[in-house]
Amino acid sequence: MSHPSTATAEHGHGLVAHHFGTLEQQREAGVLGMWLFLASEVLFFGGIFTAYAVMRWWQPGPFGLASYQLNPWTGAANTILLLTSSLTMAMSVWAAQMGKKQLLQLFLILTLLLGATFVVIKIAVEWRAEYEHGLVPGENSMAWLLGPHKFGIQPDGEPTHLKHPPGHDKKHDHHSISAADKARLEAEEMKLVQMFFVFYFTITGLHALHMLVGLGVLGVQIFFTFTSNFGVDDYGPIEIAGLYWHFVDIVWIFVFPLLYLLRH
């Protein structure tokens, strides 16, 4: 018997949309909608990861060599940043549920800063280093952004020299074949290395795009918390944003070992 009065009061305060009966019903619908969206995202990233796994299984040598060109310490630092941001995001949801506005603002800002640091490291440090080493796929494919380039050629015109794992003696590779065949095999290997970086920039680029969307959502929510009781009167939007943020973090947990650590 208390539902009608509760719904009326909530509608009166503008917290409940007209097509929902109660605030709790509205929250549950929002959470369900986010879970359905994340399910579609699992299919989206799952297809890319499957294609990468097939290529990695088919060509373990060149893909392992390509992975060795990445900096695992930078990837590990970004992993720590995202795991910490998941903690601060969880604390944001808790603060919203407890009605602690100042803590909510603090944890949302920390989450935003951690996520922004991740994106800056990915773009300004990792991608820049890979461009400078001639590891961006294609020929003049990013001339509008980075200037003319070709895969395997550094911006100064010098050819890319791939790093090899310790104990690998490149001088003895294909030692029993002709120079022409050796050059052909090395060219084929470089094409497969380029294929790895096609996957690398596709996966990390899509992940960075999802990060930017999450940062935009957090920025808007932080603004609303300073101009109203957003998140305190109704923690539903904070909880939904938290689900999205945790999903993006989980995706990176798969990206890091697949791209950075599988070198053999």
C-alpha atoms as a PDB file:
ATOM      1  CA  MET A   1       0.000   0.000   0.000  1.00  0.00           C
ATOM      2  CA  SER A   2       2.987   2.298   0.404  1.00  0.00           C
ATOM      3  CA  HIS A   3       4.106   2.054  -3.219  1.00  0.00           C
ATOM      4  CA  PRO A   4       1.684   4.655  -4.669  1.00  0.00           C
ATOM      5  CA  SER A   5       2.646   7.322  -2.146  1.00  0.00           C
ATOM      6  CA  THR A   6       6.331   6.537  -2.577  1.00  0.00           C
ATOM      7  CA  ALA A   7       6.040   6.723  -6.334  1.00  0.00           C
ATOM      8  CA  THR A   8       4.093   9.986  -6.095  1.00  0.00           C
ATOM      9  CA  ALA A   9       6.698  11.559  -3.845  1.00  0.00           C
ATOM     10  CA  GLU A  10       9.511  10.434  -6.059  1.00  0.00           C
ATOM     11  CA  HIS A  11       7.801  11.684  -9.181  1.00  0.00           C
ATOM     12  CA  GLY A  12       7.183  14.934  -7.393  1.00  0.00           C
ATOM     13  CA  HIS A  13      10.887  15.348  -6.778  1.00  0.00           C
ATOM     14  CA  GLY A  14      11.672  14.673 -10.420  1.00  0.00           C
ATOM     15  CA  LEU A  15      13.801  11.605  -9.713  1.00  0.00           C
ATOM     16  CA  VAL A  16      11.579   9.031 -11.386  1.00  0.00           C
ATOM     17  CA  ALA A  17      10.696   9.121 -15.074  1.00  0.00           C
ATOM     18  CA  HIS A  18       6.972   8.975 -15.841  1.00  0.00           C
ATOM     19  CA  HIS A  19       7.139   5.411 -17.203  1.00  0.00           C
ATOM     20  CA  PHE A  20       8.540   3.972 -13.948  1.00  0.00           C
ATOM     21  CA  GLY A  21       6.609   3.342 -10.785  1.00  0.00           C
ATOM     22  CA  THR A  22       9.383   3.690  -8.231  1.00  0.00           C
ATOM     23  CA  LEU A  23      12.980   4.789  -7.990  1.00  0.00           C
ATOM     24  CA  GLU A  24      14.090   1.224  -7.341  1.00  0.00           C
ATOM     25  CA  GLN A  25      12.352   0.019 -10.492  1.00  0.00           C
ATOM     26  CA  GLN A  26      14.073   2.751 -12.467  1.00  0.00           C
ATOM     27  CA  ARG A  27      17.478   1.755 -11.070  1.00  0.00           C
ATOM     28  CA  GLU A  28      16.940  -1.917 -11.885  1.00  0.00           C
ATOM     29  CA  ALA A  29      15.897  -1.073 -15.445  1.00  0.00           C
ATOM     30  CA  GLY A  30      18.982   1.091 -15.899  1.00  0.00           C
ATOM     31  CA  VAL A  31      21.307  -1.600 -14.585  1.00  0.00           C
ATOM     32  CA  LEU A  32      19.665  -4.224 -16.796  1.00  0.00           C
ATOM     33  CA  GLY A  33      20.070  -1.963 -19.822  1.00  0.00           C
ATOM     34  CA  MET A  34      23.763  -1.505 -19.076  1.00  0.00           C
ATOM     35  CA  TRP A  35      24.284  -5.265 -18.688  1.00  0.00           C
ATOM     36  CA  LEU A  36      22.627  -5.838 -22.076  1.00  0.00           C
ATOM     37  CA  PHE A  37      24.880  -3.205 -23.634  1.00  0.00           C
ATOM     38  CA  LEU A  38      27.960  -4.796 -22.041  1.00  0.00           C
ATOM     39  CA  ALA A  39      26.897  -8.183 -23.397  1.00  0.00           C
ATOM     40  CA  SER A  40      27.025  -6.721 -26.905  1.00  0.00           C
ATOM     41  CA  GLU A  41      30.452  -5.272 -26.087  1.00  0.00           C
ATOM     42  CA  VAL A  42      31.659  -8.731 -25.036  1.00  0.00           C
ATOM     43  CA  LEU A  43      30.660 -10.041 -28.472  1.00  0.00           C
ATOM     44  CA  PHE A  44      32.390  -7.079 -30.128  1.00  0.00           C
ATOM     45  CA  PHE A  45      35.723  -7.444 -28.337  1.00  0.00           C
ATOM     46  CA  GLY A  46      35.404 -11.235 -28.292  1.00  0.00           C
ATOM     47  CA  GLY A  47      35.438 -11.362 -32.094  1.00  0.00           C
ATOM     48  CA  ILE A  48      38.599  -9.268 -32.279  1.00  0.00           C
ATOM     49  CA  PHE A  49      40.327 -11.300 -29.561  1.00  0.00           C
ATOM     50  CA  THR A  50      39.388 -14.542 -31.327  1.00  0.00           C
ATOM     51  CA  ALA A  51      40.833 -13.328 -34.636  1.00  0.00           C
ATOM     52  CA  TYR A  52      44.021 -12.296 -32.857  1.00  0.00           C
ATOM     53  CA  ALA A  53      44.267 -15.633 -31.025  1.00  0.00           C
ATOM     54  CA  VAL A  54      43.935 -17.561 -34.307  1.00  0.00           C
ATOM     55  CA  MET A  55      46.690 -15.504 -35.941  1.00  0.00           C
ATOM     56  CA  ARG A  56      48.853 -15.798 -32.820  1.00  0.00           C
ATOM     57  CA  TRP A  57      48.462 -19.609 -32.878  1.00  0.00           C
ATOM     58  CA  TRP A  58      49.118 -19.771 -36.642  1.00  0.00           C
ATOM     59  CA  GLN A  59      52.212 -17.543 -36.629  1.00  0.00           C
ATOM     60  CA  PRO A  60      53.710 -17.735 -33.116  1.00  0.00           C
ATOM     61  CA  GLY A  61      57.224 -16.747 -34.196  1.00  0.00           C
ATOM     62  CA  PRO A  62      56.562 -13.399 -35.941  1.00  0.00           C
ATOM     63  CA  PHE A  63      53.800 -12.475 -33.487  1.00  0.00           C
ATOM     64  CA  GLY A  64      56.089 -13.259 -30.546  1.00  0.00           C
ATOM     65  CA  LEU A  65      58.828 -11.160 -32.137  1.00  0.00           C
ATOM     66  CA  ALA A  66      56.374  -8.303 -32.675  1.00  0.00           C
ATOM     67  CA  SER A  67      55.187  -8.513 -29.069  1.00  0.00           C
ATOM     68  CA  TYR A  68      58.803  -8.202 -27.975  1.00  0.00           C
ATOM     69  CA  GLN A  69      58.868  -4.688 -29.482  1.00  0.00           C
ATOM     70  CA  LEU A  70      56.340  -3.482 -26.890  1.00  0.00           C
ATOM     71  CA  ASN A  71      57.330  -2.135 -23.489  1.00  0.00           C
ATOM     72  CA  PRO A  72      55.778  -4.439 -20.853  1.00  0.00           C
ATOM     73  CA  TRP A  73      56.656  -2.046 -18.028  1.00  0.00           C
ATOM     74  CA  THR A  74      54.568   0.714 -19.553  1.00  0.00           C
ATOM     75  CA  GLY A  75      51.729  -1.764 -20.031  1.00  0.00           C
ATOM     76  CA  ALA A  76      52.103  -2.906 -16.416  1.00  0.00           C
ATOM     77  CA  ALA A  77      51.999   0.699 -15.179  1.00  0.00           C
ATOM     78  CA  ASN A  78      48.785   1.256 -17.127  1.00  0.00           C
ATOM     79  CA  THR A  79      47.365  -1.951 -15.678  1.00  0.00           C
ATOM     80  CA  ILE A  80      48.036  -0.698 -12.154  1.00  0.00           C
ATOM     81  CA  LEU A  81      46.394   2.623 -13.008  1.00  0.00           C
ATOM     82  CA  LEU A  82      43.225   0.930 -14.259  1.00  0.00           C
ATOM     83  CA  LEU A  83      43.012  -1.501 -11.346  1.00  0.00           C
ATOM     84  CA  THR A  84      43.320   1.425  -8.959  1.00  0.00           C
ATOM     85  CA  SER A  85      40.675   3.333 -10.893  1.00  0.00           C
ATOM     86  CA  SER A  86      38.322   0.368 -10.519  1.00  0.00           C
ATOM     87  CA  LEU A  87      38.799   0.636  -6.752  1.00  0.00           C
ATOM     88  CA  THR A  88      38.076   4.373  -6.717  1.00  0.00           C
ATOM     89  CA  MET A  89      35.044   3.816  -8.959  1.00  0.00           C
ATOM     90  CA  ALA A  90      33.711   1.183  -6.555  1.00  0.00           C
ATOM     91  CA  MET A  91      34.257   3.637  -3.712  1.00  0.00           C
ATOM     92  CA  SER A  92      32.321   6.245  -5.698  1.00  0.00           C
ATOM     93  CA  VAL A  93      29.328   3.915  -5.877  1.00  0.00           C
ATOM     94  CA  TRP A  94      29.610   3.219  -2.147  1.00  0.00           C
ATOM     95  CA  ALA A  95      29.788   6.943  -1.345  1.00  0.00           C
ATOM     96  CA  ALA A  96      26.721   7.600  -3.500  1.00  0.00           C
ATOM     97  CA  GLN A  97      24.782   4.815  -1.765  1.00  0.00           C
ATOM     98  CA  MET A  98      25.765   6.193   1.641  1.00  0.00           C
ATOM     99  CA  GLY A  99      24.812   9.732   0.628  1.00  0.00           C
ATOM    100  CA  LYS A 100      28.349  11.066   1.219  1.00  0.00           C
ATOM    101  CA  LYS A 101      28.532  13.816  -1.368  1.00  0.00           C
ATOM    102  CA  GLN A 102      32.089  15.021  -0.716  1.00  0.00           C
ATOM    103  CA  LEU A 103      33.499  11.505  -0.806  1.00  0.00           C
ATOM    104  CA  LEU A 104      31.561  10.854  -3.999  1.00  0.00           C
ATOM    105  CA  GLN A 105      33.140  13.901  -5.610  1.00  0.00           C
ATOM    106  CA  LEU A 106      36.601  12.905  -4.382  1.00  0.00           C
ATOM    107  CA  PHE A 107      36.444   9.330  -5.687  1.00  0.00           C
ATOM    108  CA  LEU A 108      34.948  10.380  -9.020  1.00  0.00           C
ATOM    109  CA  ILE A 109      37.732  12.918  -9.516  1.00  0.00           C
ATOM    110  CA  LEU A 110      40.385  10.331  -8.594  1.00  0.00           C
ATOM    111  CA  THR A 111      38.867   7.876 -11.072  1.00  0.00           C
ATOM    112  CA  LEU A 112      38.885  10.541 -13.773  1.00  0.00           C
ATOM    113  CA  LEU A 113      42.532  11.441 -13.090  1.00  0.00           C
ATOM    114  CA  LEU A 114      43.663   7.808 -13.111  1.00  0.00           C
ATOM    115  CA  GLY A 115      41.823   7.110 -16.359  1.00  0.00           C
ATOM    116  CA  ALA A 116      43.161  10.271 -17.984  1.00  0.00           C
ATOM    117  CA  THR A 117      46.705   9.327 -16.965  1.00  0.00           C
ATOM    118  CA  PHE A 118      46.207   5.939 -18.617  1.00  0.00           C
ATOM    119  CA  VAL A 119      45.122   7.554 -21.885  1.00  0.00           C
ATOM    120  CA  VAL A 120      48.024  10.043 -21.842  1.00  0.00           C
ATOM    121  CA  ILE A 121      50.565   7.252 -21.294  1.00  0.00           C
ATOM    122  CA  LYS A 122      49.013   5.136 -24.032  1.00  0.00           C
ATOM    123  CA  ILE A 123      48.937   7.910 -26.643  1.00  0.00           C
ATOM    124  CA  ALA A 124      51.775  10.277 -25.735  1.00  0.00           C
ATOM    125  CA  VAL A 125      54.263   7.649 -24.566  1.00  0.00           C
ATOM    126  CA  GLU A 126      53.534   4.237 -26.113  1.00  0.00           C
ATOM    127  CA  TRP A 127      52.008   5.165 -29.461  1.00  0.00           C
ATOM    128  CA  ARG A 128      54.527   7.948 -29.954  1.00  0.00           C
ATOM    129  CA  ALA A 129      57.446   5.581 -29.293  1.00  0.00           C
ATOM    130  CA  GLU A 130      56.019   3.012 -31.698  1.00  0.00           C
ATOM    131  CA  TYR A 131      55.629   5.670 -34.395  1.00  0.00           C
ATOM    132  CA  GLU A 132      59.212   6.816 -33.861  1.00  0.00           C
ATOM    133  CA  HIS A 133      60.389   3.209 -34.313  1.00  0.00           C
ATOM    134  CA  GLY A 134      58.430   2.807 -37.564  1.00  0.00           C
ATOM    135  CA  LEU A 135      55.918   0.342 -36.118  1.00  0.00           C
ATOM    136  CA  VAL A 136      52.674   2.045 -37.197  1.00  0.00           C
ATOM    137  CA  PRO A 137      51.083  -0.180 -39.904  1.00  0.00           C
ATOM    138  CA  GLY A 138      50.583   0.997 -43.446  1.00  0.00           C
ATOM    139  CA  GLU A 139      52.151   3.535 -45.752  1.00  0.00           C
ATOM    140  CA  ASN A 140      51.177   7.155 -45.161  1.00  0.00           C
ATOM    141  CA  SER A 141      48.062   5.839 -43.428  1.00  0.00           C
ATOM    142  CA  MET A 142      48.363   8.439 -40.652  1.00  0.00           C
ATOM    143  CA  ALA A 143      50.069  11.231 -42.624  1.00  0.00           C
ATOM    144  CA  TRP A 144      47.317  13.658 -41.589  1.00  0.00           C
ATOM    145  CA  LEU A 145      48.276  13.144 -37.937  1.00  0.00           C
ATOM    146  CA  LEU A 146      51.880  11.997 -37.719  1.00  0.00           C
ATOM    147  CA  GLY A 147      53.370  12.971 -41.049  1.00  0.00           C
ATOM    148  CA  PRO A 148      54.409  10.652 -43.914  1.00  0.00           C
ATOM    149  CA  HIS A 149      55.675   7.276 -42.807  1.00  0.00           C
ATOM    150  CA  LYS A 150      56.013   3.686 -43.904  1.00  0.00           C
ATOM    151  CA  PHE A 151      55.983   0.580 -41.726  1.00  0.00           C
ATOM    152  CA  GLY A 152      59.540  -0.511 -41.041  1.00  0.00           C
ATOM    153  CA  ILE A 153      60.915   2.964 -41.735  1.00  0.00           C
ATOM    154  CA  GLN A 154      61.508   5.447 -38.924  1.00  0.00           C
ATOM    155  CA  PRO A 155      60.669   9.163 -39.340  1.00  0.00           C
ATOM    156  CA  ASP A 156      64.356   9.943 -39.913  1.00  0.00           C
ATOM    157  CA  GLY A 157      64.385   7.542 -42.857  1.00  0.00           C
ATOM    158  CA  GLU A 158      66.334   4.793 -41.111  1.00  0.00           C
ATOM    159  CA  PRO A 159      64.982   1.225 -41.346  1.00  0.00           C
ATOM    160  CA  THR A 160      63.408  -0.323 -38.261  1.00  0.00           C
ATOM    161  CA  HIS A 161      65.666  -2.775 -36.452  1.00  0.00           C
ATOM    162  CA  LEU A 162      63.493  -5.211 -34.530  1.00  0.00           C
ATOM    163  CA  LYS A 163      64.662  -6.189 -31.079  1.00  0.00           C
ATOM    164  CA  HIS A 164      65.197  -9.912 -30.579  1.00  0.00           C
ATOM    165  CA  PRO A 165      64.814 -11.890 -27.342  1.00  0.00           C
ATOM    166  CA  PRO A 166      67.991 -12.726 -25.392  1.00  0.00           C
ATOM    167  CA  GLY A 167      69.701 -15.840 -26.717  1.00  0.00           C
ATOM    168  CA  HIS A 168      68.350 -15.341 -30.232  1.00  0.00           C
ATOM    169  CA  ASP A 169      71.163 -15.402 -32.811  1.00  0.00           C
ATOM    170  CA  LYS A 170      69.772 -13.830 -35.965  1.00  0.00           C
ATOM    171  CA  LYS A 171      72.991 -14.479 -37.916  1.00  0.00           C
ATOM    172  CA  HIS A 172      72.217 -18.190 -38.074  1.00  0.00           C
ATOM    173  CA  ASP A 173      68.604 -17.817 -39.214  1.00  0.00           C
ATOM    174  CA  HIS A 174      68.122 -19.420 -42.638  1.00  0.00           C
ATOM    175  CA  HIS A 175      71.918 -19.865 -42.914  1.00  0.00           C
ATOM    176  CA  SER A 176      71.586 -22.629 -45.515  1.00  0.00           C
ATOM    177  CA  ILE A 177      69.507 -20.698 -48.071  1.00  0.00           C
ATOM    178  CA  SER A 178      70.393 -18.099 -50.673  1.00  0.00           C
ATOM    179  CA  ALA A 179      70.538 -14.389 -49.969  1.00  0.00           C
ATOM    180  CA  ALA A 180      67.482 -13.809 -52.192  1.00  0.00           C
ATOM    181  CA  ASP A 181      65.410 -16.427 -50.335  1.00  0.00           C
ATOM    182  CA  LYS A 182      66.596 -15.050 -47.016  1.00  0.00           C
ATOM    183  CA  ALA A 183      65.492 -11.543 -48.003  1.00  0.00           C
ATOM    184  CA  ARG A 184      62.110 -12.897 -49.138  1.00  0.00           C
ATOM    185  CA  LEU A 185      61.580 -14.741 -45.835  1.00  0.00           C
ATOM    186  CA  GLU A 186      62.557 -11.666 -43.847  1.00  0.00           C
ATOM    187  CA  ALA A 187      60.103  -9.580 -45.887  1.00  0.00           C
ATOM    188  CA  GLU A 188      57.336 -12.095 -45.168  1.00  0.00           C
ATOM    189  CA  GLU A 189      58.240 -12.019 -41.489  1.00  0.00           C
ATOM    190  CA  MET A 190      58.027  -8.220 -41.495  1.00  0.00           C
ATOM    191  CA  LYS A 191      54.549  -8.428 -43.052  1.00  0.00           C
ATOM    192  CA  LEU A 192      53.420 -10.718 -40.227  1.00  0.00           C
ATOM    193  CA  VAL A 193      54.961  -8.364 -37.686  1.00  0.00           C
ATOM    194  CA  GLN A 194      52.963  -5.592 -39.331  1.00  0.00           C
ATOM    195  CA  MET A 195      49.832  -7.733 -39.011  1.00  0.00           C
ATOM    196  CA  PHE A 196      50.459  -7.957 -35.259  1.00  0.00           C
ATOM    197  CA  PHE A 197      50.587  -4.185 -35.064  1.00  0.00           C
ATOM    198  CA  VAL A 198      47.349  -3.941 -37.044  1.00  0.00           C
ATOM    199  CA  PHE A 199      45.750  -5.955 -34.239  1.00  0.00           C
ATOM    200  CA  TYR A 200      47.652  -3.983 -31.605  1.00  0.00           C
ATOM    201  CA  PHE A 201      46.518  -0.557 -32.764  1.00  0.00           C
ATOM    202  CA  THR A 202      42.977  -1.769 -33.471  1.00  0.00           C
ATOM    203  CA  ILE A 203      42.545  -3.299 -30.024  1.00  0.00           C
ATOM    204  CA  THR A 204      44.289  -0.580 -28.025  1.00  0.00           C
ATOM    205  CA  GLY A 205      42.656   2.125 -30.149  1.00  0.00           C
ATOM    206  CA  LEU A 206      39.166   0.774 -29.515  1.00  0.00           C
ATOM    207  CA  HIS A 207      39.970   0.395 -25.836  1.00  0.00           C
ATOM    208  CA  ALA A 208      41.250   3.990 -25.676  1.00  0.00           C
ATOM    209  CA  LEU A 209      38.058   5.157 -27.402  1.00  0.00           C
ATOM    210  CA  HIS A 210      35.975   3.394 -24.738  1.00  0.00           C
ATOM    211  CA  MET A 211      38.163   5.020 -22.088  1.00  0.00           C
ATOM    212  CA  LEU A 212      37.490   8.457 -23.570  1.00  0.00           C
ATOM    213  CA  VAL A 213      33.735   7.795 -23.503  1.00  0.00           C
ATOM    214  CA  GLY A 214      34.013   6.767 -19.847  1.00  0.00           C
ATOM    215  CA  LEU A 215      36.048   9.887 -19.036  1.00  0.00           C
ATOM    216  CA  GLY A 216      33.406  12.027 -20.690  1.00  0.00           C
ATOM    217  CA  VAL A 217      30.660  10.412 -18.601  1.00  0.00           C
ATOM    218  CA  LEU A 218      32.680  10.884 -15.411  1.00  0.00           C
ATOM    219  CA  GLY A 219      33.350  14.525 -16.269  1.00  0.00           C
ATOM    220  CA  VAL A 220      29.630  15.214 -16.707  1.00  0.00           C
ATOM    221  CA  GLN A 221      28.779  13.398 -13.478  1.00  0.00           C
ATOM    222  CA  ILE A 222      31.415  15.320 -11.528  1.00  0.00           C
ATOM    223  CA  PHE A 223      29.972  18.582 -12.858  1.00  0.00           C
ATOM    224  CA  PHE A 224      26.469  17.573 -11.769  1.00  0.00           C
ATOM    225  CA  THR A 225      27.640  16.605  -8.279  1.00  0.00           C
ATOM    226  CA  PHE A 226      28.949  20.163  -7.787  1.00  0.00           C
ATOM    227  CA  THR A 227      25.777  21.807  -9.086  1.00  0.00           C
ATOM    228  CA  SER A 228      23.121  19.550  -7.510  1.00  0.00           C
ATOM    229  CA  ASN A 229      22.576  16.493  -5.336  1.00  0.00           C
ATOM    230  CA  PHE A 230      23.259  14.255  -8.309  1.00  0.00           C
ATOM    231  CA  GLY A 231      24.312  10.781  -7.216  1.00  0.00           C
ATOM    232  CA  VAL A 232      23.218  11.336  -3.637  1.00  0.00           C
ATOM    233  CA  ASP A 233      19.442  11.445  -4.068  1.00  0.00           C
ATOM    234  CA  ASP A 234      19.689   8.656  -6.649  1.00  0.00           C
ATOM    235  CA  TYR A 235      22.860   6.561  -6.888  1.00  0.00           C
ATOM    236  CA  GLY A 236      21.585   4.719  -9.978  1.00  0.00           C
ATOM    237  CA  PRO A 237      23.549   6.756 -12.573  1.00  0.00           C
ATOM    238  CA  ILE A 238      26.789   6.334 -10.584  1.00  0.00           C
ATOM    239  CA  GLU A 239      26.234   2.582 -10.343  1.00  0.00           C
ATOM    240  CA  ILE A 240      25.563   2.299 -14.083  1.00  0.00           C
ATOM    241  CA  ALA A 241      28.665   4.339 -14.937  1.00  0.00           C
ATOM    242  CA  GLY A 242      30.617   2.088 -12.579  1.00  0.00           C
ATOM    243  CA  LEU A 243      29.553  -1.028 -14.466  1.00  0.00           C
ATOM    244  CA  TYR A 244      30.792   0.474 -17.717  1.00  0.00           C
ATOM    245  CA  TRP A 245      34.075   1.556 -16.153  1.00  0.00           C
ATOM    246  CA  HIS A 246      34.725  -1.877 -14.635  1.00  0.00           C
ATOM    247  CA  PHE A 247      34.039  -3.510 -17.993  1.00  0.00           C
ATOM    248  CA  VAL A 248      36.581  -1.314 -19.774  1.00  0.00           C
ATOM    249  CA  ASP A 249      39.110  -2.176 -17.051  1.00  0.00           C
ATOM    250  CA  ILE A 250      38.408  -5.898 -17.447  1.00  0.00           C
ATOM    251  CA  VAL A 251      38.988  -5.645 -21.196  1.00  0.00           C
ATOM    252  CA  TRP A 252      42.451  -4.272 -20.486  1.00  0.00           C
ATOM    253  CA  ILE A 253      43.154  -7.207 -18.152  1.00  0.00           C
ATOM    254  CA  PHE A 254      42.836  -9.409 -21.266  1.00  0.00           C
ATOM    255  CA  VAL A 255      44.665  -6.972 -23.558  1.00  0.00           C
ATOM    256  CA  PHE A 256      47.792  -6.703 -21.396  1.00  0.00           C
ATOM    257  CA  PRO A 257      48.851 -10.390 -21.354  1.00  0.00           C
ATOM    258  CA  LEU A 258      47.658 -11.100 -24.902  1.00  0.00           C
ATOM    259  CA  LEU A 259      49.661  -8.291 -26.489  1.00  0.00           C
ATOM    260  CA  TYR A 260      52.516  -7.622 -24.084  1.00  0.00           C
ATOM    261  CA  LEU A 261      53.384 -10.897 -22.355  1.00  0.00           C
ATOM    262  CA  LEU A 262      52.926 -13.698 -24.946  1.00  0.00           C
ATOM    263  CA  ARG A 263      56.361 -13.461 -26.558  1.00  0.00           C
ATOM    264  CA  HIS A 264      57.098 -17.100 -27.362  1.00  0.00           C
END
